[in-house]
Amino acid sequence: MLWSFIAVVFSGWLSVDATYRGPAWQRWLFKPVTLLLLLALAAQAPVLTPAGYLIILGLVATMVGDALLLLRDERMVYVIGAYFLSYLLYTIGFASQMTFSVFWPLPIVLLIIGVALIAVLWPRLAELRWPICTYIGMTVLMVWIAGEQYFALSNDHSLSLLAGTGFLLISTVLWLVSRFRYPFHAARAVIAASYFAGHFLIVRSLYF
């Protein structure tokens, strides 16, 4: 199993490196390869609960979104829809295995982040305003559910979920800001690194 983790990390690193400075073919090759390795890693989990299957389906939806991004005739609504579905599946999986309680500072902080992000992006979104606002809301909800699980249970499984969703939130914020508001080259590598770290940590939670 150690070799599976190493393969995911190595493939992810090659993809991140290509995103920042490498050839485009390397990024196109190793991004889907890394996600396929993550799918294989999730499928090898010692015990696959319904939450585990939802995580696998979430990874598949993410791969669909990534594939749509590579199309020349890009359809951002469908890309956003695929990522929204991925995070929705993750969230349902998290919620299905927790005793719900509310640690109030967390939703307040996440609400501030979500509102601030929407305010920054709003003038540039045009017809994508509501799809992207819905996607941001789903991302914030996912982090909140993972966070509530951590504060309720405080174990390695819930910590891995919280860290993973936190990285996905960072990736989402930087991707949207860089794409619609303030594009900068260095963001691409940080987005890719956060993206892979987030999905990796969520899959890793299946091993606790």
N, C-alpha and C. Protein backbone atom coordinates (compact mmCIF):
# COMPACT_ATOMS: atom_id res chain seq x y z
N MET A 1 0.82 -1.21 0.00
CA MET A 1 0.00 0.00 0.00
C MET A 1 0.86 1.26 0.00
N LEU A 2 2.05 1.16 0.62
CA LEU A 2 2.96 2.31 0.65
C LEU A 2 3.32 2.74 -0.76
N TRP A 3 3.52 1.76 -1.66
CA TRP A 3 3.90 2.10 -3.02
C TRP A 3 2.77 2.84 -3.74
N SER A 4 1.53 2.54 -3.41
CA SER A 4 0.41 3.26 -4.01
C SER A 4 0.42 4.72 -3.60
N PHE A 5 0.70 4.98 -2.32
CA PHE A 5 0.79 6.36 -1.85
C PHE A 5 1.95 7.08 -2.55
N ILE A 6 3.08 6.40 -2.66
CA ILE A 6 4.25 7.01 -3.30
C ILE A 6 3.96 7.33 -4.77
N ALA A 7 3.27 6.42 -5.47
CA ALA A 7 2.94 6.64 -6.87
C ALA A 7 2.04 7.86 -7.04
N VAL A 8 1.06 8.01 -6.15
CA VAL A 8 0.17 9.17 -6.22
C VAL A 8 0.95 10.46 -6.00
N VAL A 9 1.81 10.48 -4.98
CA VAL A 9 2.58 11.69 -4.66
C VAL A 9 3.52 12.04 -5.82
N PHE A 10 4.19 11.04 -6.38
CA PHE A 10 5.15 11.29 -7.46
C PHE A 10 4.44 11.80 -8.71
N SER A 11 3.32 11.16 -9.08
CA SER A 11 2.57 11.60 -10.25
C SER A 11 2.00 13.01 -10.04
N GLY A 12 1.50 13.28 -8.84
CA GLY A 12 0.99 14.62 -8.54
C GLY A 12 2.07 15.67 -8.63
N TRP A 13 3.26 15.33 -8.14
CA TRP A 13 4.38 16.29 -8.20
C TRP A 13 4.75 16.59 -9.65
N LEU A 14 4.78 15.57 -10.51
CA LEU A 14 5.08 15.80 -11.93
C LEU A 14 4.04 16.70 -12.58
N SER A 15 2.78 16.51 -12.21
CA SER A 15 1.73 17.35 -12.77
C SER A 15 1.86 18.79 -12.29
N VAL A 16 2.13 18.98 -10.99
CA VAL A 16 2.29 20.33 -10.45
C VAL A 16 3.49 21.02 -11.10
N ASP A 17 4.59 20.30 -11.23
CA ASP A 17 5.79 20.87 -11.86
C ASP A 17 5.51 21.28 -13.30
N ALA A 18 4.77 20.45 -14.03
CA ALA A 18 4.44 20.78 -15.41
C ALA A 18 3.50 21.98 -15.48
N THR A 19 2.60 22.09 -14.51
CA THR A 19 1.68 23.23 -14.49
C THR A 19 2.42 24.54 -14.38
N TYR A 20 3.52 24.53 -13.62
CA TYR A 20 4.27 25.77 -13.39
C TYR A 20 5.27 26.07 -14.49
N ARG A 21 6.01 25.04 -14.94
CA ARG A 21 7.11 25.33 -15.87
C ARG A 21 7.31 24.29 -16.96
N GLY A 22 6.59 23.18 -16.90
CA GLY A 22 6.86 22.09 -17.82
C GLY A 22 6.05 22.16 -19.09
N PRO A 23 6.22 21.18 -19.97
CA PRO A 23 5.45 21.13 -21.23
C PRO A 23 3.99 20.79 -20.95
N ALA A 24 3.13 21.26 -21.85
CA ALA A 24 1.69 21.04 -21.66
C ALA A 24 1.33 19.57 -21.66
N TRP A 25 2.03 18.76 -22.50
CA TRP A 25 1.69 17.34 -22.58
C TRP A 25 1.91 16.66 -21.23
N GLN A 26 2.91 17.10 -20.47
CA GLN A 26 3.18 16.49 -19.17
C GLN A 26 2.03 16.76 -18.20
N ARG A 27 1.49 17.97 -18.25
CA ARG A 27 0.36 18.30 -17.39
C ARG A 27 -0.89 17.53 -17.81
N TRP A 28 -1.14 17.46 -19.13
CA TRP A 28 -2.31 16.73 -19.62
C TRP A 28 -2.22 15.24 -19.31
N LEU A 29 -0.99 14.71 -19.27
CA LEU A 29 -0.82 13.29 -18.99
C LEU A 29 -0.96 12.98 -17.49
N PHE A 30 -0.22 13.73 -16.67
CA PHE A 30 -0.11 13.33 -15.27
C PHE A 30 -1.27 13.80 -14.40
N LYS A 31 -2.04 14.79 -14.83
CA LYS A 31 -3.22 15.16 -14.03
C LYS A 31 -4.24 14.03 -14.01
N PRO A 32 -4.66 13.50 -15.18
CA PRO A 32 -5.59 12.36 -15.12
C PRO A 32 -4.97 11.10 -14.54
N VAL A 33 -3.67 10.90 -14.78
CA VAL A 33 -3.00 9.72 -14.20
C VAL A 33 -3.04 9.78 -12.68
N THR A 34 -2.80 10.96 -12.13
CA THR A 34 -2.83 11.11 -10.67
C THR A 34 -4.22 10.81 -10.12
N LEU A 35 -5.25 11.31 -10.78
CA LEU A 35 -6.61 11.05 -10.33
C LEU A 35 -6.98 9.57 -10.47
N LEU A 36 -6.51 8.93 -11.53
CA LEU A 36 -6.75 7.49 -11.68
C LEU A 36 -6.05 6.71 -10.56
N LEU A 37 -4.84 7.13 -10.21
CA LEU A 37 -4.14 6.48 -9.09
C LEU A 37 -4.89 6.70 -7.78
N LEU A 38 -5.46 7.89 -7.62
CA LEU A 38 -6.26 8.15 -6.42
C LEU A 38 -7.51 7.26 -6.39
N LEU A 39 -8.13 7.07 -7.56
CA LEU A 39 -9.28 6.16 -7.64
C LEU A 39 -8.89 4.75 -7.24
N ALA A 40 -7.74 4.29 -7.74
CA ALA A 40 -7.27 2.95 -7.39
C ALA A 40 -6.96 2.85 -5.90
N LEU A 41 -6.37 3.92 -5.35
CA LEU A 41 -6.05 3.94 -3.93
C LEU A 41 -7.32 3.89 -3.09
N ALA A 42 -8.34 4.63 -3.50
CA ALA A 42 -9.61 4.61 -2.77
C ALA A 42 -10.26 3.24 -2.85
N ALA A 43 -10.19 2.60 -4.02
CA ALA A 43 -10.80 1.29 -4.19
C ALA A 43 -10.12 0.21 -3.35
N GLN A 44 -8.84 0.44 -2.97
CA GLN A 44 -8.09 -0.52 -2.18
C GLN A 44 -8.24 -0.31 -0.67
N ALA A 45 -9.10 0.62 -0.27
CA ALA A 45 -9.28 0.90 1.16
C ALA A 45 -9.70 -0.38 1.88
N PRO A 46 -9.23 -0.57 3.12
CA PRO A 46 -9.54 -1.81 3.85
C PRO A 46 -11.03 -2.10 3.95
N VAL A 47 -11.83 -1.08 4.22
CA VAL A 47 -13.28 -1.25 4.31
C VAL A 47 -13.93 -0.10 3.54
N LEU A 48 -14.71 -0.43 2.52
CA LEU A 48 -15.40 0.60 1.74
C LEU A 48 -16.84 0.72 2.22
N THR A 49 -17.11 1.79 2.94
CA THR A 49 -18.45 2.10 3.40
C THR A 49 -19.18 2.89 2.31
N PRO A 50 -20.48 3.15 2.48
CA PRO A 50 -21.17 4.02 1.51
C PRO A 50 -20.47 5.37 1.34
N ALA A 51 -19.89 5.92 2.42
CA ALA A 51 -19.15 7.18 2.30
C ALA A 51 -17.94 7.00 1.39
N GLY A 52 -17.30 5.85 1.45
CA GLY A 52 -16.16 5.59 0.58
C GLY A 52 -16.55 5.54 -0.88
N TYR A 53 -17.69 4.93 -1.17
CA TYR A 53 -18.17 4.88 -2.56
C TYR A 53 -18.54 6.27 -3.06
N LEU A 54 -19.07 7.10 -2.18
CA LEU A 54 -19.39 8.47 -2.57
C LEU A 54 -18.12 9.26 -2.87
N ILE A 55 -17.06 9.00 -2.12
CA ILE A 55 -15.78 9.66 -2.40
C ILE A 55 -15.26 9.22 -3.77
N ILE A 56 -15.38 7.93 -4.09
CA ILE A 56 -14.96 7.44 -5.41
C ILE A 56 -15.77 8.12 -6.52
N LEU A 57 -17.08 8.22 -6.33
CA LEU A 57 -17.91 8.90 -7.33
C LEU A 57 -17.55 10.38 -7.44
N GLY A 58 -17.18 11.00 -6.32
CA GLY A 58 -16.74 12.38 -6.35
C GLY A 58 -15.48 12.56 -7.17
N LEU A 59 -14.56 11.61 -7.05
CA LEU A 59 -13.34 11.66 -7.87
C LEU A 59 -13.66 11.52 -9.35
N VAL A 60 -14.61 10.65 -9.68
CA VAL A 60 -15.01 10.49 -11.08
C VAL A 60 -15.60 11.80 -11.63
N ALA A 61 -16.45 12.46 -10.83
CA ALA A 61 -17.02 13.73 -11.26
C ALA A 61 -15.93 14.78 -11.45
N THR A 62 -14.93 14.77 -10.58
CA THR A 62 -13.80 15.70 -10.73
C THR A 62 -13.06 15.45 -12.04
N MET A 63 -12.86 14.18 -12.38
CA MET A 63 -12.18 13.85 -13.63
C MET A 63 -12.98 14.34 -14.83
N VAL A 64 -14.29 14.26 -14.75
CA VAL A 64 -15.13 14.77 -15.84
C VAL A 64 -14.94 16.28 -15.99
N GLY A 65 -14.94 17.00 -14.85
CA GLY A 65 -14.71 18.44 -14.90
C GLY A 65 -13.36 18.80 -15.50
N ASP A 66 -12.32 18.05 -15.11
CA ASP A 66 -10.98 18.29 -15.65
C ASP A 66 -10.94 18.05 -17.15
N ALA A 67 -11.63 16.98 -17.60
CA ALA A 67 -11.65 16.68 -19.03
C ALA A 67 -12.36 17.79 -19.80
N LEU A 68 -13.43 18.33 -19.25
CA LEU A 68 -14.14 19.43 -19.92
C LEU A 68 -13.28 20.68 -20.01
N LEU A 69 -12.40 20.89 -19.02
CA LEU A 69 -11.51 22.05 -19.06
C LEU A 69 -10.51 21.97 -20.21
N LEU A 70 -10.19 20.75 -20.63
CA LEU A 70 -9.20 20.57 -21.69
C LEU A 70 -9.78 20.75 -23.09
N LEU A 71 -11.11 20.74 -23.20
CA LEU A 71 -11.74 20.89 -24.52
C LEU A 71 -11.52 22.28 -25.08
N ARG A 72 -11.30 22.34 -26.35
CA ARG A 72 -11.09 23.64 -27.00
C ARG A 72 -12.35 24.50 -26.91
N ASP A 73 -13.50 23.87 -27.14
CA ASP A 73 -14.77 24.59 -27.04
C ASP A 73 -15.25 24.46 -25.60
N GLU A 74 -14.62 25.22 -24.73
CA GLU A 74 -14.82 25.07 -23.28
C GLU A 74 -16.22 25.50 -22.87
N ARG A 75 -16.82 24.72 -21.99
CA ARG A 75 -18.15 25.02 -21.45
C ARG A 75 -18.03 25.14 -19.94
N MET A 76 -17.83 26.37 -19.46
CA MET A 76 -17.58 26.57 -18.05
C MET A 76 -18.76 26.15 -17.19
N VAL A 77 -19.98 26.28 -17.69
CA VAL A 77 -21.14 25.88 -16.89
C VAL A 77 -21.06 24.39 -16.57
N TYR A 78 -20.66 23.57 -17.55
CA TYR A 78 -20.57 22.14 -17.33
C TYR A 78 -19.39 21.80 -16.42
N VAL A 79 -18.30 22.54 -16.56
CA VAL A 79 -17.14 22.34 -15.68
C VAL A 79 -17.54 22.62 -14.23
N ILE A 80 -18.18 23.76 -14.02
CA ILE A 80 -18.63 24.12 -12.68
C ILE A 80 -19.62 23.08 -12.16
N GLY A 81 -20.50 22.60 -13.03
CA GLY A 81 -21.47 21.59 -12.63
C GLY A 81 -20.82 20.29 -12.19
N ALA A 82 -19.76 19.88 -12.91
CA ALA A 82 -19.05 18.65 -12.55
C ALA A 82 -18.35 18.80 -11.21
N TYR A 83 -17.68 19.95 -10.99
CA TYR A 83 -17.01 20.18 -9.71
C TYR A 83 -18.02 20.30 -8.57
N PHE A 84 -19.16 20.94 -8.85
CA PHE A 84 -20.22 21.04 -7.85
C PHE A 84 -20.69 19.63 -7.44
N LEU A 85 -20.91 18.77 -8.44
CA LEU A 85 -21.36 17.41 -8.16
C LEU A 85 -20.32 16.65 -7.33
N SER A 86 -19.04 16.83 -7.66
CA SER A 86 -17.98 16.18 -6.91
C SER A 86 -18.03 16.57 -5.43
N TYR A 87 -18.13 17.87 -5.17
CA TYR A 87 -18.14 18.34 -3.78
C TYR A 87 -19.44 17.95 -3.08
N LEU A 88 -20.53 17.89 -3.84
CA LEU A 88 -21.80 17.45 -3.25
C LEU A 88 -21.70 15.99 -2.80
N LEU A 89 -21.12 15.14 -3.63
CA LEU A 89 -20.94 13.73 -3.27
C LEU A 89 -20.03 13.59 -2.05
N TYR A 90 -18.95 14.36 -2.03
CA TYR A 90 -18.07 14.35 -0.86
C TYR A 90 -18.86 14.73 0.40
N THR A 91 -19.63 15.80 0.29
CA THR A 91 -20.35 16.32 1.45
C THR A 91 -21.36 15.31 1.98
N ILE A 92 -22.09 14.66 1.07
CA ILE A 92 -23.05 13.65 1.49
C ILE A 92 -22.33 12.50 2.20
N GLY A 93 -21.18 12.12 1.66
CA GLY A 93 -20.38 11.08 2.29
C GLY A 93 -19.93 11.46 3.69
N PHE A 94 -19.46 12.70 3.86
CA PHE A 94 -19.03 13.15 5.18
C PHE A 94 -20.21 13.16 6.16
N ALA A 95 -21.33 13.70 5.69
CA ALA A 95 -22.49 13.87 6.57
C ALA A 95 -23.10 12.54 6.99
N SER A 96 -22.90 11.50 6.17
CA SER A 96 -23.52 10.21 6.46
C SER A 96 -22.85 9.48 7.61
N GLN A 97 -21.69 9.95 8.05
CA GLN A 97 -20.95 9.23 9.09
C GLN A 97 -20.63 10.11 10.30
N MET A 98 -21.47 11.11 10.56
CA MET A 98 -21.15 12.01 11.66
C MET A 98 -22.35 12.24 12.56
N THR A 99 -22.04 12.58 13.80
CA THR A 99 -23.03 13.08 14.74
C THR A 99 -22.98 14.59 14.68
N PHE A 100 -24.08 15.21 14.25
CA PHE A 100 -24.03 16.64 13.96
C PHE A 100 -24.02 17.49 15.21
N SER A 101 -23.11 18.44 15.22
CA SER A 101 -23.06 19.48 16.26
C SER A 101 -22.51 20.72 15.58
N VAL A 102 -22.65 21.86 16.21
CA VAL A 102 -22.25 23.11 15.58
C VAL A 102 -21.18 23.80 16.41
N PHE A 103 -20.01 23.99 15.79
CA PHE A 103 -18.95 24.81 16.38
C PHE A 103 -19.03 26.16 15.66
N TRP A 104 -19.72 27.11 16.26
CA TRP A 104 -20.16 28.33 15.57
C TRP A 104 -19.07 29.16 14.90
N PRO A 105 -17.86 29.26 15.45
CA PRO A 105 -16.85 30.07 14.74
C PRO A 105 -16.56 29.59 13.33
N LEU A 106 -16.64 28.26 13.11
CA LEU A 106 -16.32 27.72 11.79
C LEU A 106 -17.28 28.20 10.71
N PRO A 107 -18.59 28.02 10.83
CA PRO A 107 -19.48 28.51 9.75
C PRO A 107 -19.42 30.02 9.57
N ILE A 108 -19.15 30.76 10.65
CA ILE A 108 -19.05 32.21 10.53
C ILE A 108 -17.85 32.59 9.67
N VAL A 109 -16.70 31.96 9.95
CA VAL A 109 -15.48 32.25 9.16
C VAL A 109 -15.68 31.84 7.71
N LEU A 110 -16.26 30.66 7.49
CA LEU A 110 -16.48 30.19 6.12
C LEU A 110 -17.47 31.07 5.37
N LEU A 111 -18.49 31.55 6.07
CA LEU A 111 -19.46 32.46 5.44
C LEU A 111 -18.77 33.75 5.01
N ILE A 112 -17.91 34.28 5.86
CA ILE A 112 -17.17 35.51 5.50
C ILE A 112 -16.30 35.27 4.27
N ILE A 113 -15.62 34.12 4.24
CA ILE A 113 -14.77 33.80 3.08
C ILE A 113 -15.61 33.71 1.82
N GLY A 114 -16.74 33.01 1.89
CA GLY A 114 -17.60 32.85 0.73
C GLY A 114 -18.16 34.17 0.22
N VAL A 115 -18.65 35.00 1.13
CA VAL A 115 -19.22 36.30 0.74
C VAL A 115 -18.14 37.20 0.15
N ALA A 116 -16.96 37.22 0.77
CA ALA A 116 -15.86 38.05 0.26
C ALA A 116 -15.45 37.61 -1.14
N LEU A 117 -15.38 36.29 -1.37
CA LEU A 117 -15.00 35.79 -2.68
C LEU A 117 -16.04 36.17 -3.74
N ILE A 118 -17.30 36.01 -3.41
CA ILE A 118 -18.35 36.39 -4.35
C ILE A 118 -18.30 37.89 -4.66
N ALA A 119 -18.05 38.71 -3.64
CA ALA A 119 -17.98 40.15 -3.85
C ALA A 119 -16.83 40.53 -4.78
N VAL A 120 -15.70 39.84 -4.64
CA VAL A 120 -14.54 40.12 -5.50
C VAL A 120 -14.82 39.70 -6.95
N LEU A 121 -15.49 38.57 -7.12
CA LEU A 121 -15.68 38.02 -8.46
C LEU A 121 -16.90 38.58 -9.19
N TRP A 122 -17.90 39.01 -8.46
CA TRP A 122 -19.21 39.34 -9.01
C TRP A 122 -19.18 40.20 -10.28
N PRO A 123 -18.42 41.31 -10.32
CA PRO A 123 -18.47 42.16 -11.53
C PRO A 123 -17.96 41.48 -12.79
N ARG A 124 -17.18 40.41 -12.66
CA ARG A 124 -16.56 39.78 -13.83
C ARG A 124 -17.24 38.48 -14.26
N LEU A 125 -18.26 38.05 -13.58
CA LEU A 125 -18.81 36.72 -13.84
C LEU A 125 -19.86 36.69 -14.94
N ALA A 126 -20.54 37.80 -15.19
CA ALA A 126 -21.57 37.88 -16.24
C ALA A 126 -22.60 36.77 -16.07
N GLU A 127 -22.82 35.95 -17.13
CA GLU A 127 -23.86 34.92 -17.07
C GLU A 127 -23.50 33.75 -16.16
N LEU A 128 -22.24 33.70 -15.70
CA LEU A 128 -21.82 32.62 -14.82
C LEU A 128 -22.02 32.94 -13.34
N ARG A 129 -22.62 34.08 -13.04
CA ARG A 129 -22.72 34.51 -11.65
C ARG A 129 -23.37 33.47 -10.76
N TRP A 130 -24.55 33.02 -11.13
CA TRP A 130 -25.27 32.12 -10.24
C TRP A 130 -24.68 30.72 -10.19
N PRO A 131 -24.23 30.15 -11.32
CA PRO A 131 -23.54 28.86 -11.22
C PRO A 131 -22.31 28.90 -10.31
N ILE A 132 -21.52 29.97 -10.44
CA ILE A 132 -20.30 30.05 -9.62
C ILE A 132 -20.64 30.34 -8.17
N CYS A 133 -21.64 31.17 -7.92
CA CYS A 133 -22.06 31.41 -6.53
C CYS A 133 -22.53 30.12 -5.87
N THR A 134 -23.26 29.31 -6.64
CA THR A 134 -23.72 28.02 -6.11
C THR A 134 -22.55 27.09 -5.84
N TYR A 135 -21.56 27.10 -6.73
CA TYR A 135 -20.36 26.28 -6.56
C TYR A 135 -19.57 26.72 -5.32
N ILE A 136 -19.44 28.03 -5.12
CA ILE A 136 -18.76 28.54 -3.93
C ILE A 136 -19.50 28.10 -2.67
N GLY A 137 -20.83 28.22 -2.71
CA GLY A 137 -21.63 27.79 -1.57
C GLY A 137 -21.45 26.31 -1.25
N MET A 138 -21.36 25.49 -2.29
CA MET A 138 -21.16 24.05 -2.09
C MET A 138 -19.79 23.77 -1.50
N THR A 139 -18.77 24.50 -1.96
CA THR A 139 -17.42 24.32 -1.43
C THR A 139 -17.36 24.67 0.05
N VAL A 140 -17.97 25.80 0.41
CA VAL A 140 -18.00 26.23 1.81
C VAL A 140 -18.76 25.23 2.67
N LEU A 141 -19.88 24.72 2.15
CA LEU A 141 -20.66 23.73 2.89
C LEU A 141 -19.85 22.45 3.12
N MET A 142 -19.12 22.01 2.11
CA MET A 142 -18.29 20.82 2.24
C MET A 142 -17.26 20.97 3.36
N VAL A 143 -16.57 22.11 3.39
CA VAL A 143 -15.57 22.35 4.43
C VAL A 143 -16.24 22.41 5.80
N TRP A 144 -17.42 23.02 5.87
CA TRP A 144 -18.13 23.13 7.14
C TRP A 144 -18.48 21.75 7.71
N ILE A 145 -19.06 20.88 6.85
CA ILE A 145 -19.44 19.54 7.31
C ILE A 145 -18.21 18.76 7.77
N ALA A 146 -17.10 18.85 7.00
CA ALA A 146 -15.87 18.16 7.40
C ALA A 146 -15.35 18.73 8.72
N GLY A 147 -15.43 20.05 8.87
CA GLY A 147 -14.96 20.69 10.09
C GLY A 147 -15.79 20.31 11.30
N GLU A 148 -17.11 20.26 11.14
CA GLU A 148 -17.98 19.87 12.25
C GLU A 148 -17.70 18.43 12.67
N GLN A 149 -17.40 17.58 11.69
CA GLN A 149 -17.06 16.20 12.02
C GLN A 149 -15.76 16.14 12.83
N TYR A 150 -14.80 16.98 12.45
CA TYR A 150 -13.53 16.98 13.19
C TYR A 150 -13.74 17.47 14.63
N PHE A 151 -14.48 18.56 14.80
CA PHE A 151 -14.67 19.09 16.15
C PHE A 151 -15.52 18.16 17.02
N ALA A 152 -16.34 17.32 16.38
CA ALA A 152 -17.15 16.36 17.14
C ALA A 152 -16.36 15.12 17.51
N LEU A 153 -15.47 14.66 16.62
CA LEU A 153 -14.79 13.38 16.82
C LEU A 153 -13.30 13.52 17.16
N SER A 154 -12.64 14.49 16.55
CA SER A 154 -11.21 14.76 16.80
C SER A 154 -10.34 13.51 16.64
N ASN A 155 -10.53 12.80 15.52
CA ASN A 155 -9.68 11.65 15.24
C ASN A 155 -8.92 11.86 13.93
N ASP A 156 -8.06 10.90 13.58
CA ASP A 156 -7.23 11.05 12.38
C ASP A 156 -8.08 11.09 11.11
N HIS A 157 -9.15 10.31 11.09
CA HIS A 157 -10.04 10.29 9.92
C HIS A 157 -10.64 11.67 9.66
N SER A 158 -11.21 12.26 10.69
CA SER A 158 -11.86 13.57 10.52
C SER A 158 -10.84 14.68 10.27
N LEU A 159 -9.63 14.56 10.85
CA LEU A 159 -8.59 15.55 10.59
C LEU A 159 -8.16 15.51 9.12
N SER A 160 -8.04 14.31 8.56
CA SER A 160 -7.67 14.18 7.15
C SER A 160 -8.74 14.79 6.25
N LEU A 161 -10.01 14.60 6.60
CA LEU A 161 -11.09 15.19 5.82
C LEU A 161 -11.07 16.71 5.90
N LEU A 162 -10.87 17.24 7.11
CA LEU A 162 -10.84 18.69 7.27
C LEU A 162 -9.67 19.31 6.51
N ALA A 163 -8.49 18.69 6.62
CA ALA A 163 -7.33 19.21 5.89
C ALA A 163 -7.55 19.12 4.39
N GLY A 164 -8.12 18.00 3.92
CA GLY A 164 -8.36 17.84 2.49
C GLY A 164 -9.33 18.86 1.95
N THR A 165 -10.44 19.06 2.64
CA THR A 165 -11.41 20.05 2.17
C THR A 165 -10.85 21.47 2.28
N GLY A 166 -10.00 21.71 3.26
CA GLY A 166 -9.36 23.02 3.37
C GLY A 166 -8.48 23.31 2.17
N PHE A 167 -7.71 22.31 1.73
CA PHE A 167 -6.89 22.49 0.54
C PHE A 167 -7.75 22.70 -0.71
N LEU A 168 -8.87 21.99 -0.79
CA LEU A 168 -9.76 22.19 -1.94
C LEU A 168 -10.38 23.58 -1.93
N LEU A 169 -10.66 24.11 -0.75
CA LEU A 169 -11.16 25.48 -0.66
C LEU A 169 -10.11 26.47 -1.16
N ILE A 170 -8.87 26.29 -0.74
CA ILE A 170 -7.78 27.15 -1.21
C ILE A 170 -7.65 27.07 -2.73
N SER A 171 -7.69 25.84 -3.25
CA SER A 171 -7.58 25.65 -4.70
C SER A 171 -8.72 26.35 -5.43
N THR A 172 -9.93 26.22 -4.91
CA THR A 172 -11.11 26.84 -5.54
C THR A 172 -11.00 28.36 -5.52
N VAL A 173 -10.64 28.92 -4.38
CA VAL A 173 -10.53 30.38 -4.27
C VAL A 173 -9.49 30.91 -5.26
N LEU A 174 -8.31 30.31 -5.28
CA LEU A 174 -7.24 30.79 -6.16
C LEU A 174 -7.61 30.59 -7.63
N TRP A 175 -8.24 29.47 -7.95
CA TRP A 175 -8.62 29.22 -9.34
C TRP A 175 -9.61 30.26 -9.83
N LEU A 176 -10.63 30.53 -9.04
CA LEU A 176 -11.65 31.50 -9.46
C LEU A 176 -11.08 32.92 -9.53
N VAL A 177 -10.29 33.31 -8.53
CA VAL A 177 -9.71 34.66 -8.54
C VAL A 177 -8.75 34.83 -9.71
N SER A 178 -7.91 33.81 -9.94
CA SER A 178 -6.94 33.90 -11.03
C SER A 178 -7.63 33.90 -12.39
N ARG A 179 -8.72 33.15 -12.51
CA ARG A 179 -9.38 33.04 -13.81
C ARG A 179 -10.25 34.25 -14.14
N PHE A 180 -10.93 34.79 -13.14
CA PHE A 180 -11.92 35.82 -13.41
C PHE A 180 -11.53 37.22 -12.94
N ARG A 181 -10.50 37.33 -12.10
CA ARG A 181 -10.22 38.65 -11.54
C ARG A 181 -8.77 39.08 -11.68
N TYR A 182 -7.85 38.37 -11.04
CA TYR A 182 -6.45 38.78 -11.02
C TYR A 182 -5.56 37.62 -11.47
N PRO A 183 -5.41 37.41 -12.76
CA PRO A 183 -4.58 36.29 -13.23
C PRO A 183 -3.10 36.52 -12.93
N PHE A 184 -2.46 35.48 -12.40
CA PHE A 184 -1.01 35.53 -12.19
C PHE A 184 -0.45 34.13 -12.33
N HIS A 185 0.75 34.04 -12.93
CA HIS A 185 1.31 32.77 -13.35
C HIS A 185 1.56 31.83 -12.18
N ALA A 186 2.08 32.33 -11.07
CA ALA A 186 2.43 31.47 -9.94
C ALA A 186 1.22 30.78 -9.34
N ALA A 187 0.03 31.32 -9.57
CA ALA A 187 -1.17 30.72 -9.00
C ALA A 187 -1.40 29.32 -9.52
N ARG A 188 -0.98 29.06 -10.75
CA ARG A 188 -1.27 27.76 -11.36
C ARG A 188 -0.66 26.61 -10.59
N ALA A 189 0.58 26.78 -10.15
CA ALA A 189 1.24 25.72 -9.40
C ALA A 189 0.62 25.53 -8.02
N VAL A 190 0.27 26.64 -7.36
CA VAL A 190 -0.34 26.56 -6.03
C VAL A 190 -1.72 25.92 -6.13
N ILE A 191 -2.47 26.28 -7.17
CA ILE A 191 -3.79 25.69 -7.38
C ILE A 191 -3.67 24.18 -7.58
N ALA A 192 -2.73 23.77 -8.44
CA ALA A 192 -2.56 22.34 -8.72
C ALA A 192 -2.12 21.59 -7.46
N ALA A 193 -1.18 22.17 -6.70
CA ALA A 193 -0.70 21.50 -5.49
C ALA A 193 -1.82 21.36 -4.47
N SER A 194 -2.60 22.42 -4.26
CA SER A 194 -3.71 22.37 -3.31
C SER A 194 -4.78 21.39 -3.77
N TYR A 195 -5.02 21.37 -5.06
CA TYR A 195 -6.03 20.48 -5.65
C TYR A 195 -5.68 19.01 -5.38
N PHE A 196 -4.45 18.62 -5.69
CA PHE A 196 -4.05 17.23 -5.48
C PHE A 196 -3.95 16.89 -3.99
N ALA A 197 -3.43 17.81 -3.19
CA ALA A 197 -3.34 17.57 -1.75
C ALA A 197 -4.73 17.37 -1.15
N GLY A 198 -5.70 18.17 -1.59
CA GLY A 198 -7.05 18.04 -1.07
C GLY A 198 -7.67 16.68 -1.37
N HIS A 199 -7.63 16.28 -2.63
CA HIS A 199 -8.21 14.99 -2.99
C HIS A 199 -7.44 13.83 -2.35
N PHE A 200 -6.12 13.96 -2.28
CA PHE A 200 -5.31 12.91 -1.68
C PHE A 200 -5.67 12.70 -0.21
N LEU A 201 -5.81 13.80 0.55
CA LEU A 201 -6.12 13.68 1.97
C LEU A 201 -7.52 13.13 2.20
N ILE A 202 -8.45 13.46 1.31
CA ILE A 202 -9.80 12.89 1.43
C ILE A 202 -9.77 11.38 1.19
N VAL A 203 -9.03 10.94 0.17
CA VAL A 203 -8.88 9.51 -0.07
C VAL A 203 -8.13 8.84 1.09
N ARG A 204 -7.14 9.52 1.60
CA ARG A 204 -6.35 8.98 2.72
C ARG A 204 -7.22 8.72 3.95
N SER A 205 -8.26 9.51 4.14
CA SER A 205 -9.14 9.33 5.29
C SER A 205 -9.79 7.94 5.30
N LEU A 206 -9.89 7.29 4.13
CA LEU A 206 -10.50 5.98 4.05
C LEU A 206 -9.64 4.91 4.71
N TYR A 207 -8.39 5.24 5.00
CA TYR A 207 -7.47 4.27 5.59
C TYR A 207 -7.40 4.38 7.12
N PHE A 208 -8.23 5.25 7.71
CA PHE A 208 -8.26 5.37 9.18
C PHE A 208 -9.51 4.70 9.73
